[in-house]
Amino acid sequence: MTQKINILSVLFILLSSNICFSQISYGPVAGMNISTILHDGIEDFEDISHKIGFHAGIGVDISVSELFKISSGIIYTKKGSRGQIFYYGSNDMKKINYNLNYIPIKFLTQHFV
């Protein structure tokens, strides 16, 4: 337990000393995406088309120095696909609509040359 407290204390001191000298900016992130799902091994899918989705969230940029920057954020994104499938035993085509929702957390470091 004391080892965890020591490690967290050292990390806090290191991070707080860098943040004191850094520029922090944050703001909304929004945009559009186009996605599709490929169905490998299933031959009865027809008319597979792209689906338009969106993403929205918040991002934070921390400029540690002139040459180093940390970017992070959390984003909600919606993806999916549309298509039709033929069912055995009938001559009917059924429309399929896949909706996939994700919440990715990004963490990027940038070094400028």
N, C-alpha and C. Protein backbone atom coordinates (compact mmCIF):
# COMPACT_ATOMS: atom_id res chain seq x y z
N MET A 1 0.82 -1.19 0.00
CA MET A 1 0.00 0.00 0.00
C MET A 1 0.86 1.26 0.00
N THR A 2 1.91 1.25 0.81
CA THR A 2 2.78 2.44 0.86
C THR A 2 3.55 2.60 -0.44
N GLN A 3 3.82 1.48 -1.13
CA GLN A 3 4.52 1.58 -2.42
C GLN A 3 3.63 2.28 -3.45
N LYS A 4 2.33 1.97 -3.42
CA LYS A 4 1.40 2.64 -4.34
C LYS A 4 1.33 4.13 -4.06
N ILE A 5 1.30 4.49 -2.79
CA ILE A 5 1.23 5.91 -2.42
C ILE A 5 2.51 6.62 -2.86
N ASN A 6 3.66 5.97 -2.70
CA ASN A 6 4.92 6.59 -3.13
C ASN A 6 4.95 6.78 -4.65
N ILE A 7 4.51 5.78 -5.40
CA ILE A 7 4.51 5.88 -6.86
C ILE A 7 3.55 6.97 -7.31
N LEU A 8 2.36 7.02 -6.72
CA LEU A 8 1.39 8.07 -7.08
C LEU A 8 1.90 9.45 -6.71
N SER A 9 2.61 9.57 -5.59
CA SER A 9 3.17 10.86 -5.19
C SER A 9 4.21 11.35 -6.18
N VAL A 10 5.09 10.45 -6.62
CA VAL A 10 6.12 10.81 -7.58
C VAL A 10 5.48 11.21 -8.91
N LEU A 11 4.48 10.45 -9.37
CA LEU A 11 3.80 10.79 -10.62
C LEU A 11 3.10 12.14 -10.51
N PHE A 12 2.47 12.41 -9.39
CA PHE A 12 1.79 13.68 -9.19
C PHE A 12 2.78 14.84 -9.24
N ILE A 13 3.92 14.70 -8.60
CA ILE A 13 4.93 15.77 -8.59
C ILE A 13 5.46 16.01 -10.00
N LEU A 14 5.75 14.92 -10.72
CA LEU A 14 6.27 15.08 -12.08
C LEU A 14 5.25 15.72 -13.01
N LEU A 15 4.01 15.26 -12.93
CA LEU A 15 2.99 15.81 -13.80
C LEU A 15 2.63 17.25 -13.43
N SER A 16 2.55 17.55 -12.16
CA SER A 16 2.19 18.91 -11.77
C SER A 16 3.29 19.90 -12.11
N SER A 17 4.54 19.49 -12.05
CA SER A 17 5.61 20.42 -12.42
C SER A 17 5.58 20.72 -13.91
N ASN A 18 5.22 19.75 -14.73
CA ASN A 18 5.11 20.01 -16.17
C ASN A 18 3.88 20.84 -16.50
N ILE A 19 2.79 20.60 -15.81
CA ILE A 19 1.56 21.33 -16.10
C ILE A 19 1.69 22.79 -15.69
N CYS A 20 2.47 23.08 -14.69
CA CYS A 20 2.65 24.47 -14.25
C CYS A 20 3.24 25.34 -15.35
N PHE A 21 4.08 24.75 -16.20
CA PHE A 21 4.73 25.49 -17.27
C PHE A 21 4.03 25.30 -18.62
N SER A 22 2.92 24.62 -18.64
CA SER A 22 2.31 24.27 -19.92
C SER A 22 1.08 25.12 -20.22
N GLN A 23 0.70 25.07 -21.47
CA GLN A 23 -0.51 25.72 -21.96
C GLN A 23 -1.56 24.63 -22.14
N ILE A 24 -2.72 24.80 -21.55
CA ILE A 24 -3.80 23.82 -21.65
C ILE A 24 -4.94 24.44 -22.43
N SER A 25 -5.40 23.73 -23.45
CA SER A 25 -6.57 24.18 -24.20
C SER A 25 -7.52 22.99 -24.36
N TYR A 26 -8.80 23.27 -24.38
CA TYR A 26 -9.79 22.21 -24.54
C TYR A 26 -10.95 22.77 -25.35
N GLY A 27 -11.74 21.86 -25.88
CA GLY A 27 -12.87 22.29 -26.67
C GLY A 27 -13.62 21.12 -27.27
N PRO A 28 -14.70 21.40 -27.94
CA PRO A 28 -15.51 20.33 -28.53
C PRO A 28 -14.85 19.75 -29.78
N VAL A 29 -15.14 18.50 -30.03
CA VAL A 29 -14.69 17.79 -31.23
C VAL A 29 -15.94 17.23 -31.89
N ALA A 30 -16.13 17.50 -33.17
CA ALA A 30 -17.31 17.00 -33.87
C ALA A 30 -16.97 16.76 -35.33
N GLY A 31 -17.69 15.85 -35.94
CA GLY A 31 -17.47 15.59 -37.35
C GLY A 31 -18.35 14.47 -37.87
N MET A 32 -18.11 14.10 -39.11
CA MET A 32 -18.88 13.08 -39.80
C MET A 32 -17.96 11.93 -40.17
N ASN A 33 -18.49 10.71 -40.19
CA ASN A 33 -17.73 9.58 -40.69
C ASN A 33 -18.60 8.72 -41.59
N ILE A 34 -17.96 7.97 -42.45
CA ILE A 34 -18.65 7.06 -43.36
C ILE A 34 -18.05 5.68 -43.12
N SER A 35 -18.91 4.69 -42.86
CA SER A 35 -18.40 3.36 -42.54
C SER A 35 -19.23 2.29 -43.24
N THR A 36 -18.65 1.10 -43.32
CA THR A 36 -19.35 -0.07 -43.83
C THR A 36 -18.77 -1.30 -43.15
N ILE A 37 -19.52 -2.35 -43.12
CA ILE A 37 -19.07 -3.61 -42.53
C ILE A 37 -19.01 -4.64 -43.66
N LEU A 38 -17.86 -5.26 -43.82
CA LEU A 38 -17.72 -6.30 -44.84
C LEU A 38 -18.07 -7.64 -44.23
N HIS A 39 -18.80 -8.45 -44.96
CA HIS A 39 -19.28 -9.73 -44.48
C HIS A 39 -18.51 -10.84 -45.19
N ASP A 40 -17.38 -11.21 -44.63
CA ASP A 40 -16.57 -12.27 -45.23
C ASP A 40 -17.21 -13.63 -44.99
N GLY A 41 -17.25 -14.45 -46.03
CA GLY A 41 -17.74 -15.81 -45.90
C GLY A 41 -19.25 -15.93 -46.02
N ILE A 42 -19.97 -14.85 -46.10
CA ILE A 42 -21.42 -14.91 -46.26
C ILE A 42 -21.73 -14.37 -47.65
N GLU A 43 -22.21 -15.24 -48.50
CA GLU A 43 -22.39 -14.87 -49.90
C GLU A 43 -23.77 -14.32 -50.20
N ASP A 44 -24.67 -14.37 -49.24
CA ASP A 44 -26.04 -13.99 -49.52
C ASP A 44 -26.34 -12.51 -49.25
N PHE A 45 -25.33 -11.74 -48.90
CA PHE A 45 -25.53 -10.31 -48.71
C PHE A 45 -25.48 -9.62 -50.06
N GLU A 46 -26.39 -8.70 -50.25
CA GLU A 46 -26.43 -7.91 -51.48
C GLU A 46 -26.64 -6.45 -51.13
N ASP A 47 -26.25 -5.61 -52.03
CA ASP A 47 -26.46 -4.16 -51.88
C ASP A 47 -25.90 -3.63 -50.57
N ILE A 48 -24.68 -4.04 -50.23
CA ILE A 48 -24.04 -3.50 -49.03
C ILE A 48 -23.66 -2.05 -49.32
N SER A 49 -24.06 -1.17 -48.47
CA SER A 49 -23.79 0.25 -48.71
C SER A 49 -23.19 0.89 -47.47
N HIS A 50 -22.60 2.02 -47.69
CA HIS A 50 -22.00 2.79 -46.61
C HIS A 50 -23.08 3.44 -45.77
N LYS A 51 -22.74 3.71 -44.53
CA LYS A 51 -23.66 4.40 -43.64
C LYS A 51 -22.96 5.63 -43.10
N ILE A 52 -23.67 6.74 -43.12
CA ILE A 52 -23.11 8.00 -42.63
C ILE A 52 -23.42 8.12 -41.14
N GLY A 53 -22.39 8.41 -40.37
CA GLY A 53 -22.54 8.59 -38.93
C GLY A 53 -21.89 9.89 -38.49
N PHE A 54 -21.75 10.06 -37.21
CA PHE A 54 -21.15 11.28 -36.69
C PHE A 54 -20.30 10.92 -35.48
N HIS A 55 -19.47 11.85 -35.08
CA HIS A 55 -18.75 11.71 -33.83
C HIS A 55 -18.72 13.08 -33.14
N ALA A 56 -18.78 13.02 -31.81
CA ALA A 56 -18.78 14.25 -31.01
C ALA A 56 -18.17 13.95 -29.65
N GLY A 57 -17.49 14.92 -29.11
CA GLY A 57 -16.88 14.74 -27.80
C GLY A 57 -16.12 15.98 -27.38
N ILE A 58 -15.17 15.77 -26.48
CA ILE A 58 -14.36 16.87 -25.97
C ILE A 58 -12.90 16.45 -26.04
N GLY A 59 -12.04 17.39 -26.40
CA GLY A 59 -10.61 17.14 -26.50
C GLY A 59 -9.81 18.12 -25.67
N VAL A 60 -8.65 17.66 -25.20
CA VAL A 60 -7.77 18.48 -24.38
C VAL A 60 -6.37 18.41 -24.98
N ASP A 61 -5.73 19.56 -25.15
CA ASP A 61 -4.35 19.64 -25.62
C ASP A 61 -3.50 20.29 -24.55
N ILE A 62 -2.40 19.63 -24.20
CA ILE A 62 -1.48 20.16 -23.20
C ILE A 62 -0.13 20.35 -23.87
N SER A 63 0.30 21.59 -24.02
CA SER A 63 1.61 21.89 -24.60
C SER A 63 2.62 21.92 -23.46
N VAL A 64 3.42 20.86 -23.36
CA VAL A 64 4.39 20.76 -22.28
C VAL A 64 5.57 21.69 -22.56
N SER A 65 6.00 21.75 -23.80
CA SER A 65 7.05 22.67 -24.21
C SER A 65 6.77 23.08 -25.65
N GLU A 66 7.69 23.82 -26.23
CA GLU A 66 7.50 24.22 -27.63
C GLU A 66 7.62 23.03 -28.57
N LEU A 67 8.26 21.98 -28.14
CA LEU A 67 8.51 20.83 -29.00
C LEU A 67 7.69 19.60 -28.64
N PHE A 68 6.94 19.63 -27.56
CA PHE A 68 6.22 18.44 -27.11
C PHE A 68 4.81 18.81 -26.68
N LYS A 69 3.82 18.00 -27.13
CA LYS A 69 2.42 18.27 -26.86
C LYS A 69 1.71 16.95 -26.58
N ILE A 70 0.76 16.96 -25.65
CA ILE A 70 -0.05 15.79 -25.33
C ILE A 70 -1.50 16.13 -25.68
N SER A 71 -2.14 15.26 -26.45
CA SER A 71 -3.55 15.44 -26.80
C SER A 71 -4.34 14.26 -26.26
N SER A 72 -5.50 14.55 -25.69
CA SER A 72 -6.35 13.49 -25.17
C SER A 72 -7.80 13.90 -25.37
N GLY A 73 -8.69 12.95 -25.23
CA GLY A 73 -10.10 13.28 -25.36
C GLY A 73 -10.96 12.04 -25.32
N ILE A 74 -12.24 12.27 -25.19
CA ILE A 74 -13.22 11.20 -25.22
C ILE A 74 -14.26 11.57 -26.27
N ILE A 75 -14.59 10.61 -27.13
CA ILE A 75 -15.44 10.90 -28.28
C ILE A 75 -16.50 9.80 -28.41
N TYR A 76 -17.73 10.18 -28.66
CA TYR A 76 -18.79 9.24 -29.00
C TYR A 76 -18.86 9.17 -30.52
N THR A 77 -18.82 7.97 -31.07
CA THR A 77 -18.89 7.83 -32.52
C THR A 77 -19.91 6.76 -32.90
N LYS A 78 -20.62 7.01 -33.98
CA LYS A 78 -21.66 6.11 -34.46
C LYS A 78 -21.26 5.60 -35.85
N LYS A 79 -21.21 4.28 -35.99
CA LYS A 79 -20.83 3.64 -37.26
C LYS A 79 -21.85 2.58 -37.61
N GLY A 80 -21.71 2.00 -38.79
CA GLY A 80 -22.62 0.93 -39.17
C GLY A 80 -22.57 0.60 -40.64
N SER A 81 -23.59 -0.13 -41.10
CA SER A 81 -23.67 -0.57 -42.48
C SER A 81 -25.12 -0.91 -42.81
N ARG A 82 -25.42 -0.93 -44.08
CA ARG A 82 -26.76 -1.32 -44.56
C ARG A 82 -26.60 -2.37 -45.63
N GLY A 83 -27.61 -3.20 -45.78
CA GLY A 83 -27.55 -4.22 -46.83
C GLY A 83 -28.83 -5.02 -46.87
N GLN A 84 -28.82 -6.05 -47.74
CA GLN A 84 -29.95 -6.96 -47.85
C GLN A 84 -29.42 -8.38 -47.82
N ILE A 85 -30.21 -9.31 -47.28
CA ILE A 85 -29.82 -10.71 -47.20
C ILE A 85 -30.96 -11.56 -47.74
N PHE A 86 -30.58 -12.63 -48.42
CA PHE A 86 -31.54 -13.58 -48.96
C PHE A 86 -31.67 -14.74 -47.98
N TYR A 87 -32.89 -15.05 -47.57
CA TYR A 87 -33.13 -16.15 -46.64
C TYR A 87 -33.44 -17.42 -47.41
N TYR A 88 -32.83 -18.54 -46.97
CA TYR A 88 -33.09 -19.84 -47.59
C TYR A 88 -34.54 -20.26 -47.33
N GLY A 89 -35.13 -20.93 -48.28
CA GLY A 89 -36.49 -21.41 -48.12
C GLY A 89 -37.54 -20.40 -48.51
N SER A 90 -37.15 -19.20 -48.83
CA SER A 90 -38.10 -18.19 -49.28
C SER A 90 -37.42 -17.34 -50.34
N ASN A 91 -38.21 -16.62 -51.06
CA ASN A 91 -37.67 -15.74 -52.10
C ASN A 91 -37.62 -14.30 -51.63
N ASP A 92 -37.63 -14.10 -50.33
CA ASP A 92 -37.68 -12.75 -49.78
C ASP A 92 -36.28 -12.24 -49.47
N MET A 93 -36.11 -10.97 -49.71
CA MET A 93 -34.89 -10.27 -49.30
C MET A 93 -35.25 -9.43 -48.07
N LYS A 94 -34.43 -9.50 -47.06
CA LYS A 94 -34.67 -8.74 -45.85
C LYS A 94 -33.61 -7.65 -45.72
N LYS A 95 -34.05 -6.45 -45.41
CA LYS A 95 -33.10 -5.34 -45.22
C LYS A 95 -32.46 -5.47 -43.84
N ILE A 96 -31.16 -5.24 -43.82
CA ILE A 96 -30.40 -5.29 -42.58
C ILE A 96 -29.76 -3.94 -42.36
N ASN A 97 -29.80 -3.49 -41.11
CA ASN A 97 -29.24 -2.20 -40.74
C ASN A 97 -28.44 -2.39 -39.47
N TYR A 98 -27.10 -2.29 -39.56
CA TYR A 98 -26.23 -2.42 -38.40
C TYR A 98 -25.93 -1.04 -37.83
N ASN A 99 -26.12 -0.88 -36.53
CA ASN A 99 -25.77 0.35 -35.83
C ASN A 99 -24.77 0.01 -34.74
N LEU A 100 -23.59 0.59 -34.82
CA LEU A 100 -22.53 0.35 -33.84
C LEU A 100 -22.18 1.67 -33.18
N ASN A 101 -22.17 1.68 -31.86
CA ASN A 101 -21.86 2.89 -31.10
C ASN A 101 -20.59 2.63 -30.30
N TYR A 102 -19.64 3.55 -30.37
CA TYR A 102 -18.37 3.43 -29.68
C TYR A 102 -18.09 4.68 -28.86
N ILE A 103 -17.32 4.51 -27.79
CA ILE A 103 -16.80 5.63 -27.02
C ILE A 103 -15.30 5.42 -26.87
N PRO A 104 -14.52 5.80 -27.88
CA PRO A 104 -13.06 5.65 -27.76
C PRO A 104 -12.45 6.79 -26.96
N ILE A 105 -11.37 6.47 -26.27
CA ILE A 105 -10.60 7.47 -25.53
C ILE A 105 -9.25 7.58 -26.21
N LYS A 106 -8.92 8.77 -26.69
CA LYS A 106 -7.67 8.94 -27.42
C LYS A 106 -6.60 9.52 -26.51
N PHE A 107 -5.37 9.14 -26.78
CA PHE A 107 -4.21 9.68 -26.08
C PHE A 107 -3.07 9.74 -27.08
N LEU A 108 -2.66 10.93 -27.45
CA LEU A 108 -1.63 11.13 -28.46
C LEU A 108 -0.51 12.00 -27.89
N THR A 109 0.71 11.69 -28.30
CA THR A 109 1.81 12.57 -27.99
C THR A 109 2.40 13.07 -29.30
N GLN A 110 2.76 14.34 -29.32
CA GLN A 110 3.30 14.94 -30.53
C GLN A 110 4.62 15.59 -30.21
N HIS A 111 5.60 15.29 -31.06
CA HIS A 111 6.91 15.90 -30.92
C HIS A 111 7.19 16.68 -32.19
N PHE A 112 7.42 17.97 -32.06
CA PHE A 112 7.64 18.84 -33.21
C PHE A 112 9.12 18.97 -33.47
N VAL A 113 9.49 18.90 -34.73
CA VAL A 113 10.90 18.99 -35.10
C VAL A 113 11.19 20.37 -35.68
